Amino acid sequence: MEEEKLDPDTKLPMLDENGKVITEEKEIKIPMFKPVTVFDISQTDGKPLPTLAEAPVGNVQNYDVFLEALRRSTPMPIVRKETGT
């Protein structure tokens, strides 16, 4: 797209030596989504993927001290919720 070139100080259109407005080519980027194929896990087969960690179970020695150290060492809020199990 061609657009008038503006003076950075006055914000008025810049003129060439003949007094005509200088234009420049501007690229316009339009954000959009690209269509892609997706699938559901039920459409796959094979061995299960390994898990990175198991859900914590049992008791932790000095849990309160551990939780406080964790809260102080991370910028993320830590919230404890009962799971009902």
PDB file of N, CA and C in Angstrom:
ATOM      1  N   MET A   1       0.839  -1.162   0.000  1.00  0.00           N
ATOM      2  CA  MET A   1       0.000   0.000   0.000  1.00  0.00           C
ATOM      3  C   MET A   1       0.892   1.235   0.000  1.00  0.00           C
ATOM      4  N   GLU A   2       0.558   2.204  -0.803  1.00  0.00           N
ATOM      5  CA  GLU A   2       1.317   3.456  -0.833  1.00  0.00           C
ATOM      6  C   GLU A   2       0.709   4.434   0.153  1.00  0.00           C
ATOM      7  N   GLU A   3       1.595   5.162   0.837  1.00  0.00           N
ATOM      8  CA  GLU A   3       1.160   6.101   1.858  1.00  0.00           C
ATOM      9  C   GLU A   3       2.038   7.335   1.794  1.00  0.00           C
ATOM     10  N   GLU A   4       1.462   8.488   2.147  1.00  0.00           N
ATOM     11  CA  GLU A   4       2.252   9.710   2.161  1.00  0.00           C
ATOM     12  C   GLU A   4       3.339   9.607   3.216  1.00  0.00           C
ATOM     13  N   LYS A   5       4.544  10.054   2.863  1.00  0.00           N
ATOM     14  CA  LYS A   5       5.644  10.056   3.818  1.00  0.00           C
ATOM     15  C   LYS A   5       5.523  11.326   4.655  1.00  0.00           C
ATOM     16  N   LEU A   6       5.477  11.163   5.986  1.00  0.00           N
ATOM     17  CA  LEU A   6       5.285  12.292   6.882  1.00  0.00           C
ATOM     18  C   LEU A   6       6.594  12.711   7.524  1.00  0.00           C
ATOM     19  N   ASP A   7       6.738  14.018   7.715  1.00  0.00           N
ATOM     20  CA  ASP A   7       7.895  14.556   8.434  1.00  0.00           C
ATOM     21  C   ASP A   7       7.781  14.118   9.888  1.00  0.00           C
ATOM     22  N   PRO A   8       8.838  13.527  10.468  1.00  0.00           N
ATOM     23  CA  PRO A   8       8.745  13.020  11.837  1.00  0.00           C
ATOM     24  C   PRO A   8       8.506  14.122  12.874  1.00  0.00           C
ATOM     25  N   ASP A   9       8.922  15.359  12.574  1.00  0.00           N
ATOM     26  CA  ASP A   9       8.757  16.458  13.536  1.00  0.00           C
ATOM     27  C   ASP A   9       7.400  17.143  13.397  1.00  0.00           C
ATOM     28  N   THR A  10       7.037  17.507  12.173  1.00  0.00           N
ATOM     29  CA  THR A  10       5.809  18.283  11.957  1.00  0.00           C
ATOM     30  C   THR A  10       4.592  17.404  11.682  1.00  0.00           C
ATOM     31  N   LYS A  11       4.833  16.158  11.328  1.00  0.00           N
ATOM     32  CA  LYS A  11       3.766  15.211  10.954  1.00  0.00           C
ATOM     33  C   LYS A  11       3.016  15.644   9.692  1.00  0.00           C
ATOM     34  N   LEU A  12       3.602  16.562   8.918  1.00  0.00           N
ATOM     35  CA  LEU A  12       3.020  16.998   7.653  1.00  0.00           C
ATOM     36  C   LEU A  12       3.639  16.193   6.514  1.00  0.00           C
ATOM     37  N   PRO A  13       2.915  16.061   5.383  1.00  0.00           N
ATOM     38  CA  PRO A  13       3.477  15.316   4.248  1.00  0.00           C
ATOM     39  C   PRO A  13       4.775  15.952   3.755  1.00  0.00           C
ATOM     40  N   MET A  14       5.755  15.106   3.434  1.00  0.00           N
ATOM     41  CA  MET A  14       7.033  15.585   2.907  1.00  0.00           C
ATOM     42  C   MET A  14       6.889  15.801   1.397  1.00  0.00           C
ATOM     43  N   LEU A  15       7.588  16.812   0.890  1.00  0.00           N
ATOM     44  CA  LEU A  15       7.513  17.141  -0.526  1.00  0.00           C
ATOM     45  C   LEU A  15       8.869  16.906  -1.187  1.00  0.00           C
ATOM     46  N   ASP A  16       8.825  16.516  -2.475  1.00  0.00           N
ATOM     47  CA  ASP A  16      10.078  16.363  -3.216  1.00  0.00           C
ATOM     48  C   ASP A  16      10.501  17.726  -3.759  1.00  0.00           C
ATOM     49  N   GLU A  17      11.560  17.764  -4.587  1.00  0.00           N
ATOM     50  CA  GLU A  17      12.083  19.029  -5.108  1.00  0.00           C
ATOM     51  C   GLU A  17      11.099  19.735  -6.038  1.00  0.00           C
ATOM     52  N   ASN A  18      10.105  19.008  -6.556  1.00  0.00           N
ATOM     53  CA  ASN A  18       9.104  19.596  -7.444  1.00  0.00           C
ATOM     54  C   ASN A  18       7.830  20.011  -6.693  1.00  0.00           C
ATOM     55  N   GLY A  19       7.831  19.811  -5.370  1.00  0.00           N
ATOM     56  CA  GLY A  19       6.666  20.190  -4.571  1.00  0.00           C
ATOM     57  C   GLY A  19       5.581  19.136  -4.520  1.00  0.00           C
ATOM     58  N   LYS A  20       5.887  17.942  -5.026  1.00  0.00           N
ATOM     59  CA  LYS A  20       4.895  16.858  -4.994  1.00  0.00           C
ATOM     60  C   LYS A  20       5.086  16.043  -3.710  1.00  0.00           C
ATOM     61  N   VAL A  21       3.975  15.528  -3.225  1.00  0.00           N
ATOM     62  CA  VAL A  21       4.005  14.719  -2.005  1.00  0.00           C
ATOM     63  C   VAL A  21       4.762  13.420  -2.264  1.00  0.00           C
ATOM     64  N   ILE A  22       5.697  13.102  -1.370  1.00  0.00           N
ATOM     65  CA  ILE A  22       6.475  11.857  -1.468  1.00  0.00           C
ATOM     66  C   ILE A  22       5.624  10.728  -0.885  1.00  0.00           C
ATOM     67  N   THR A  23       5.556   9.641  -1.616  1.00  0.00           N
ATOM     68  CA  THR A  23       4.841   8.456  -1.101  1.00  0.00           C
ATOM     69  C   THR A  23       5.847   7.334  -0.909  1.00  0.00           C
ATOM     70  N   GLU A  24       5.495   6.433  -0.016  1.00  0.00           N
ATOM     71  CA  GLU A  24       6.345   5.267   0.218  1.00  0.00           C
ATOM     72  C   GLU A  24       5.463   4.038   0.368  1.00  0.00           C
ATOM     73  N   GLU A  25       6.046   2.910   0.023  1.00  0.00           N
ATOM     74  CA  GLU A  25       5.343   1.636   0.103  1.00  0.00           C
ATOM     75  C   GLU A  25       5.335   1.174   1.556  1.00  0.00           C
ATOM     76  N   LYS A  26       4.160   0.872   2.094  1.00  0.00           N
ATOM     77  CA  LYS A  26       4.014   0.382   3.464  1.00  0.00           C
ATOM     78  C   LYS A  26       3.468  -1.035   3.430  1.00  0.00           C
ATOM     79  N   GLU A  27       4.049  -1.883   4.236  1.00  0.00           N
ATOM     80  CA  GLU A  27       3.556  -3.252   4.353  1.00  0.00           C
ATOM     81  C   GLU A  27       2.539  -3.298   5.479  1.00  0.00           C
ATOM     82  N   ILE A  28       1.386  -3.869   5.193  1.00  0.00           N
ATOM     83  CA  ILE A  28       0.344  -4.002   6.197  1.00  0.00           C
ATOM     84  C   ILE A  28       0.272  -5.466   6.601  1.00  0.00           C
ATOM     85  N   LYS A  29       0.379  -5.715   7.906  1.00  0.00           N
ATOM     86  CA  LYS A  29       0.275  -7.085   8.417  1.00  0.00           C
ATOM     87  C   LYS A  29      -1.084  -7.251   9.082  1.00  0.00           C
ATOM     88  N   ILE A  30      -1.809  -8.241   8.644  1.00  0.00           N
ATOM     89  CA  ILE A  30      -3.125  -8.523   9.199  1.00  0.00           C
ATOM     90  C   ILE A  30      -3.027  -9.827   9.984  1.00  0.00           C
ATOM     91  N   PRO A  31      -3.202  -9.764  11.324  1.00  0.00           N
ATOM     92  CA  PRO A  31      -3.115 -10.991  12.099  1.00  0.00           C
ATOM     93  C   PRO A  31      -4.295 -11.916  11.779  1.00  0.00           C
ATOM     94  N   MET A  32      -4.004 -13.173  11.608  1.00  0.00           N
ATOM     95  CA  MET A  32      -5.063 -14.139  11.329  1.00  0.00           C
ATOM     96  C   MET A  32      -4.594 -15.529  11.724  1.00  0.00           C
ATOM     97  N   PHE A  33      -5.511 -16.438  11.766  1.00  0.00           N
ATOM     98  CA  PHE A  33      -5.200 -17.815  12.104  1.00  0.00           C
ATOM     99  C   PHE A  33      -5.068 -18.639  10.832  1.00  0.00           C
ATOM    100  N   LYS A  34      -4.178 -19.598  10.904  1.00  0.00           N
ATOM    101  CA  LYS A  34      -3.951 -20.491   9.779  1.00  0.00           C
ATOM    102  C   LYS A  34      -4.718 -21.785  10.043  1.00  0.00           C
ATOM    103  N   PRO A  35      -5.532 -22.245   9.096  1.00  0.00           N
ATOM    104  CA  PRO A  35      -6.249 -23.505   9.331  1.00  0.00           C
ATOM    105  C   PRO A  35      -5.270 -24.682   9.342  1.00  0.00           C
ATOM    106  N   VAL A  36      -5.430 -25.528  10.326  1.00  0.00           N
ATOM    107  CA  VAL A  36      -4.582 -26.712  10.441  1.00  0.00           C
ATOM    108  C   VAL A  36      -5.455 -27.918  10.775  1.00  0.00           C
ATOM    109  N   THR A  37      -4.940 -29.090  10.522  1.00  0.00           N
ATOM    110  CA  THR A  37      -5.642 -30.320  10.858  1.00  0.00           C
ATOM    111  C   THR A  37      -5.376 -30.653  12.317  1.00  0.00           C
ATOM    112  N   VAL A  38      -6.412 -30.998  13.034  1.00  0.00           N
ATOM    113  CA  VAL A  38      -6.267 -31.417  14.427  1.00  0.00           C
ATOM    114  C   VAL A  38      -6.878 -32.798  14.582  1.00  0.00           C
ATOM    115  N   PHE A  39      -6.558 -33.452  15.683  1.00  0.00           N
ATOM    116  CA  PHE A  39      -7.115 -34.772  15.926  1.00  0.00           C
ATOM    117  C   PHE A  39      -7.402 -34.926  17.406  1.00  0.00           C
ATOM    118  N   ASP A  40      -8.212 -35.890  17.734  1.00  0.00           N
ATOM    119  CA  ASP A  40      -8.546 -36.217  19.105  1.00  0.00           C
ATOM    120  C   ASP A  40      -7.684 -37.398  19.535  1.00  0.00           C
ATOM    121  N   ILE A  41      -7.330 -37.435  20.799  1.00  0.00           N
ATOM    122  CA  ILE A  41      -6.487 -38.529  21.307  1.00  0.00           C
ATOM    123  C   ILE A  41      -7.114 -39.901  21.038  1.00  0.00           C
ATOM    124  N   SER A  42      -8.444 -39.965  20.958  1.00  0.00           N
ATOM    125  CA  SER A  42      -9.106 -41.251  20.693  1.00  0.00           C
ATOM    126  C   SER A  42      -8.833 -41.740  19.265  1.00  0.00           C
ATOM    127  N   GLN A  43      -8.350 -40.875  18.392  1.00  0.00           N
ATOM    128  CA  GLN A  43      -8.045 -41.258  17.021  1.00  0.00           C
ATOM    129  C   GLN A  43      -6.604 -41.745  16.874  1.00  0.00           C
ATOM    130  N   THR A  44      -5.901 -41.890  17.987  1.00  0.00           N
ATOM    131  CA  THR A  44      -4.509 -42.329  17.941  1.00  0.00           C
ATOM    132  C   THR A  44      -4.382 -43.704  18.552  1.00  0.00           C
ATOM    133  N   ASP A  45      -3.237 -44.333  18.308  1.00  0.00           N
ATOM    134  CA  ASP A  45      -2.952 -45.602  18.964  1.00  0.00           C
ATOM    135  C   ASP A  45      -1.463 -45.650  19.266  1.00  0.00           C
ATOM    136  N   GLY A  46      -1.058 -46.653  19.997  1.00  0.00           N
ATOM    137  CA  GLY A  46       0.338 -46.775  20.381  1.00  0.00           C
ATOM    138  C   GLY A  46       0.488 -46.823  21.886  1.00  0.00           C
ATOM    139  N   LYS A  47       1.725 -46.939  22.323  1.00  0.00           N
ATOM    140  CA  LYS A  47       1.995 -46.993  23.757  1.00  0.00           C
ATOM    141  C   LYS A  47       1.707 -45.632  24.386  1.00  0.00           C
ATOM    142  N   PRO A  48       1.240 -45.630  25.637  1.00  0.00           N
ATOM    143  CA  PRO A  48       0.999 -44.349  26.309  1.00  0.00           C
ATOM    144  C   PRO A  48       2.300 -43.557  26.445  1.00  0.00           C
ATOM    145  N   LEU A  49       2.184 -42.248  26.405  1.00  0.00           N
ATOM    146  CA  LEU A  49       3.340 -41.390  26.582  1.00  0.00           C
ATOM    147  C   LEU A  49       3.763 -41.379  28.048  1.00  0.00           C
ATOM    148  N   PRO A  50       5.054 -41.247  28.319  1.00  0.00           N
ATOM    149  CA  PRO A  50       5.495 -41.203  29.714  1.00  0.00           C
ATOM    150  C   PRO A  50       5.008 -39.918  30.390  1.00  0.00           C
ATOM    151  N   THR A  51       4.759 -40.009  31.690  1.00  0.00           N
ATOM    152  CA  THR A  51       4.356 -38.823  32.441  1.00  0.00           C
ATOM    153  C   THR A  51       5.593 -38.173  33.038  1.00  0.00           C
ATOM    154  N   LEU A  52       5.540 -36.868  33.193  1.00  0.00           N
ATOM    155  CA  LEU A  52       6.671 -36.144  33.760  1.00  0.00           C
ATOM    156  C   LEU A  52       6.707 -36.257  35.272  1.00  0.00           C
ATOM    157  N   ALA A  53       5.538 -36.362  35.881  1.00  0.00           N
ATOM    158  CA  ALA A  53       5.494 -36.451  37.340  1.00  0.00           C
ATOM    159  C   ALA A  53       4.181 -37.103  37.743  1.00  0.00           C
ATOM    160  N   GLU A  54       4.194 -37.713  38.865  1.00  0.00           N
ATOM    161  CA  GLU A  54       2.982 -38.310  39.401  1.00  0.00           C
ATOM    162  C   GLU A  54       2.338 -37.322  40.356  1.00  0.00           C
ATOM    163  N   ALA A  55       1.052 -37.483  40.574  1.00  0.00           N
ATOM    164  CA  ALA A  55       0.356 -36.632  41.537  1.00  0.00           C
ATOM    165  C   ALA A  55       0.927 -36.910  42.926  1.00  0.00           C
ATOM    166  N   PRO A  56       1.164 -35.862  43.717  1.00  0.00           N
ATOM    167  CA  PRO A  56       1.718 -36.071  45.054  1.00  0.00           C
ATOM    168  C   PRO A  56       0.709 -36.766  45.963  1.00  0.00           C
ATOM    169  N   VAL A  57       1.188 -37.767  46.655  1.00  0.00           N
ATOM    170  CA  VAL A  57       0.350 -38.504  47.617  1.00  0.00           C
ATOM    171  C   VAL A  57       1.161 -38.733  48.881  1.00  0.00           C
ATOM    172  N   GLY A  58       0.461 -38.976  49.981  1.00  0.00           N
ATOM    173  CA  GLY A  58       1.151 -39.287  51.231  1.00  0.00           C
ATOM    174  C   GLY A  58       1.475 -38.028  52.016  1.00  0.00           C
ATOM    175  N   ASN A  59       2.390 -38.175  52.954  1.00  0.00           N
ATOM    176  CA  ASN A  59       2.781 -37.070  53.828  1.00  0.00           C
ATOM    177  C   ASN A  59       4.194 -36.621  53.504  1.00  0.00           C
ATOM    178  N   VAL A  60       4.443 -35.333  53.676  1.00  0.00           N
ATOM    179  CA  VAL A  60       5.763 -34.763  53.441  1.00  0.00           C
ATOM    180  C   VAL A  60       6.280 -34.260  54.784  1.00  0.00           C
ATOM    181  N   GLN A  61       7.490 -34.700  55.151  1.00  0.00           N
ATOM    182  CA  GLN A  61       8.080 -34.208  56.390  1.00  0.00           C
ATOM    183  C   GLN A  61       8.300 -32.702  56.285  1.00  0.00           C
ATOM    184  N   ASN A  62       7.998 -31.979  57.353  1.00  0.00           N
ATOM    185  CA  ASN A  62       8.193 -30.527  57.406  1.00  0.00           C
ATOM    186  C   ASN A  62       7.484 -29.829  56.243  1.00  0.00           C
ATOM    187  N   TYR A  63       6.259 -30.266  55.971  1.00  0.00           N
ATOM    188  CA  TYR A  63       5.501 -29.722  54.833  1.00  0.00           C
ATOM    189  C   TYR A  63       5.369 -28.203  54.898  1.00  0.00           C
ATOM    190  N   ASP A  64       5.048 -27.672  56.082  1.00  0.00           N
ATOM    191  CA  ASP A  64       4.870 -26.223  56.208  1.00  0.00           C
ATOM    192  C   ASP A  64       6.148 -25.463  55.853  1.00  0.00           C
ATOM    193  N   VAL A  65       7.300 -25.990  56.278  1.00  0.00           N
ATOM    194  CA  VAL A  65       8.581 -25.352  55.966  1.00  0.00           C
ATOM    195  C   VAL A  65       8.853 -25.442  54.454  1.00  0.00           C
ATOM    196  N   PHE A  66       8.584 -26.615  53.884  1.00  0.00           N
ATOM    197  CA  PHE A  66       8.761 -26.820  52.450  1.00  0.00           C
ATOM    198  C   PHE A  66       7.881 -25.862  51.646  1.00  0.00           C
ATOM    199  N   LEU A  67       6.592 -25.754  52.026  1.00  0.00           N
ATOM    200  CA  LEU A  67       5.658 -24.889  51.305  1.00  0.00           C
ATOM    201  C   LEU A  67       6.069 -23.425  51.414  1.00  0.00           C
ATOM    202  N   GLU A  68       6.520 -22.993  52.582  1.00  0.00           N
ATOM    203  CA  GLU A  68       6.950 -21.606  52.748  1.00  0.00           C
ATOM    204  C   GLU A  68       8.189 -21.321  51.895  1.00  0.00           C
ATOM    205  N   ALA A  69       9.130 -22.252  51.839  1.00  0.00           N
ATOM    206  CA  ALA A  69      10.326 -22.083  51.001  1.00  0.00           C
ATOM    207  C   ALA A  69       9.927 -21.998  49.527  1.00  0.00           C
ATOM    208  N   LEU A  70       8.966 -22.805  49.134  1.00  0.00           N
ATOM    209  CA  LEU A  70       8.480 -22.791  47.756  1.00  0.00           C
ATOM    210  C   LEU A  70       7.813 -21.455  47.436  1.00  0.00           C
ATOM    211  N   ARG A  71       6.991 -20.949  48.341  1.00  0.00           N
ATOM    212  CA  ARG A  71       6.317 -19.652  48.134  1.00  0.00           C
ATOM    213  C   ARG A  71       7.330 -18.514  47.995  1.00  0.00           C
ATOM    214  N   ARG A  72       8.403 -18.554  48.775  1.00  0.00           N
ATOM    215  CA  ARG A  72       9.401 -17.483  48.740  1.00  0.00           C
ATOM    216  C   ARG A  72      10.300 -17.554  47.503  1.00  0.00           C
ATOM    217  N   SER A  73      10.398 -18.724  46.891  1.00  0.00           N
ATOM    218  CA  SER A  73      11.337 -18.886  45.787  1.00  0.00           C
ATOM    219  C   SER A  73      10.708 -18.732  44.406  1.00  0.00           C
ATOM    220  N   THR A  74       9.395 -18.524  44.343  1.00  0.00           N
ATOM    221  CA  THR A  74       8.760 -18.402  43.038  1.00  0.00           C
ATOM    222  C   THR A  74       7.900 -17.151  42.988  1.00  0.00           C
ATOM    223  N   PRO A  75       7.871 -16.478  41.817  1.00  0.00           N
ATOM    224  CA  PRO A  75       6.995 -15.305  41.687  1.00  0.00           C
ATOM    225  C   PRO A  75       5.533 -15.706  41.460  1.00  0.00           C
ATOM    226  N   MET A  76       5.283 -16.966  41.213  1.00  0.00           N
ATOM    227  CA  MET A  76       3.922 -17.436  40.949  1.00  0.00           C
ATOM    228  C   MET A  76       3.184 -17.675  42.260  1.00  0.00           C
ATOM    229  N   PRO A  77       1.896 -17.317  42.319  1.00  0.00           N
ATOM    230  CA  PRO A  77       1.136 -17.598  43.536  1.00  0.00           C
ATOM    231  C   PRO A  77       0.917 -19.099  43.695  1.00  0.00           C
ATOM    232  N   ILE A  78       1.009 -19.562  44.929  1.00  0.00           N
ATOM    233  CA  ILE A  78       0.786 -20.980  45.217  1.00  0.00           C
ATOM    234  C   ILE A  78      -0.463 -21.079  46.073  1.00  0.00           C
ATOM    235  N   VAL A  79      -1.429 -21.858  45.606  1.00  0.00           N
ATOM    236  CA  VAL A  79      -2.690 -22.030  46.305  1.00  0.00           C
ATOM    237  C   VAL A  79      -2.885 -23.518  46.546  1.00  0.00           C
ATOM    238  N   ARG A  80      -3.266 -23.859  47.767  1.00  0.00           N
ATOM    239  CA  ARG A  80      -3.495 -25.265  48.096  1.00  0.00           C
ATOM    240  C   ARG A  80      -4.986 -25.481  48.184  1.00  0.00           C
ATOM    241  N   LYS A  81      -5.478 -26.478  47.451  1.00  0.00           N
ATOM    242  CA  LYS A  81      -6.889 -26.813  47.488  1.00  0.00           C
ATOM    243  C   LYS A  81      -7.027 -28.312  47.773  1.00  0.00           C
ATOM    244  N   GLU A  82      -7.995 -28.635  48.595  1.00  0.00           N
ATOM    245  CA  GLU A  82      -8.270 -30.040  48.890  1.00  0.00           C
ATOM    246  C   GLU A  82      -8.938 -30.673  47.657  1.00  0.00           C
ATOM    247  N   THR A  83      -8.550 -31.901  47.368  1.00  0.00           N
ATOM    248  CA  THR A  83      -9.093 -32.587  46.191  1.00  0.00           C
ATOM    249  C   THR A  83     -10.293 -33.438  46.534  1.00  0.00           C
ATOM    250  N   GLY A  84     -10.532 -33.677  47.804  1.00  0.00           N
ATOM    251  CA  GLY A  84     -11.690 -34.469  48.200  1.00  0.00           C
ATOM    252  C   GLY A  84     -11.434 -35.962  48.177  1.00  0.00           C
ATOM    253  N   THR A  85     -10.190 -36.384  47.976  1.00  0.00           N
ATOM    254  CA  THR A  85      -9.911 -37.821  47.974  1.00  0.00           C
ATOM    255  C   THR A  85      -9.268 -38.236  49.266  1.00  0.00           C
TER     256      THR A  85
END
